[in-house]
Amino acid sequence: MGGKLVPKVILEGTRLTFKTDTAFALNEHPRVVGPRKYRYHSPVISAEWCGFTNYPWGRGLINFRPDEAFKAMEAYATWARLFELQRYYSWIIDRFHLSAKAYQHHEHGIDYDFSELEARLHALNFRVVLLTRRPETFETARTERLKVSGNPAQYDDLSLFIEEQERLRDVVRASRLEHLELDVSALTPDVAADRIADWLESTGGLYLD
């Protein structure tokens, strides 16, 4: 392995697991991306971006319609090619293909084949971290999120998130990518980032041949 820190982490999880805050914390963590004296353009990307519609909270790479599947698969392949071309860089992803797989099977009954994408990600040493929380803690997490949310109605029914969490467990466990499930019920994003850094260090997830 080389001496350059080039972690590649996909954070998965339902809403209210504070994935985005954890992604930002990871992207500034000195044991993950090295010490920084100032901020610069290190990427955090997401399949949650609703780039298929010209209105907020629309469709994108997770919740695309069946007639948009070709476009979604092309986008995933494009991201993979970008990762391959810049293999010696750190990439933090806030939800990706596993969220799409779980959503599409549940909503449309379609089991999309991401095996080729996973083979390409595996070759680049991508790791998956599934952030979860105990069902009884979702209410407290919602209270915190409502302080800043621009779309509070999406948090009305917490049972949807508890059910989605179980679907995500299934697809993550079936993935060929090495994964960690991390219960964030009692963790801040900074502490979660510490735990993820520990795991990456211990499993060879920070470097690439």
Foldseek 3Di string as FASTA:
>chain_A
DDPAFAFAEEEAAFPLLCLVVLLVLLQQPCLRHRHDPDDDDADEEEQQPQPPDPDPPHHGLQRDDPVCVVVNVVVLVVVLVVCVVVLRHYYYYHYDVLSNQLRCCVPPVDRDDCPVSLVSCVLSLYEYEYEDEDLVLSVVSLVVCVVPDPCSVVPPDSVVRVVSRVSSVVSNVVGPHHYHYHHCSPPDSNVVSVVVSVVCVVPVRGDHD
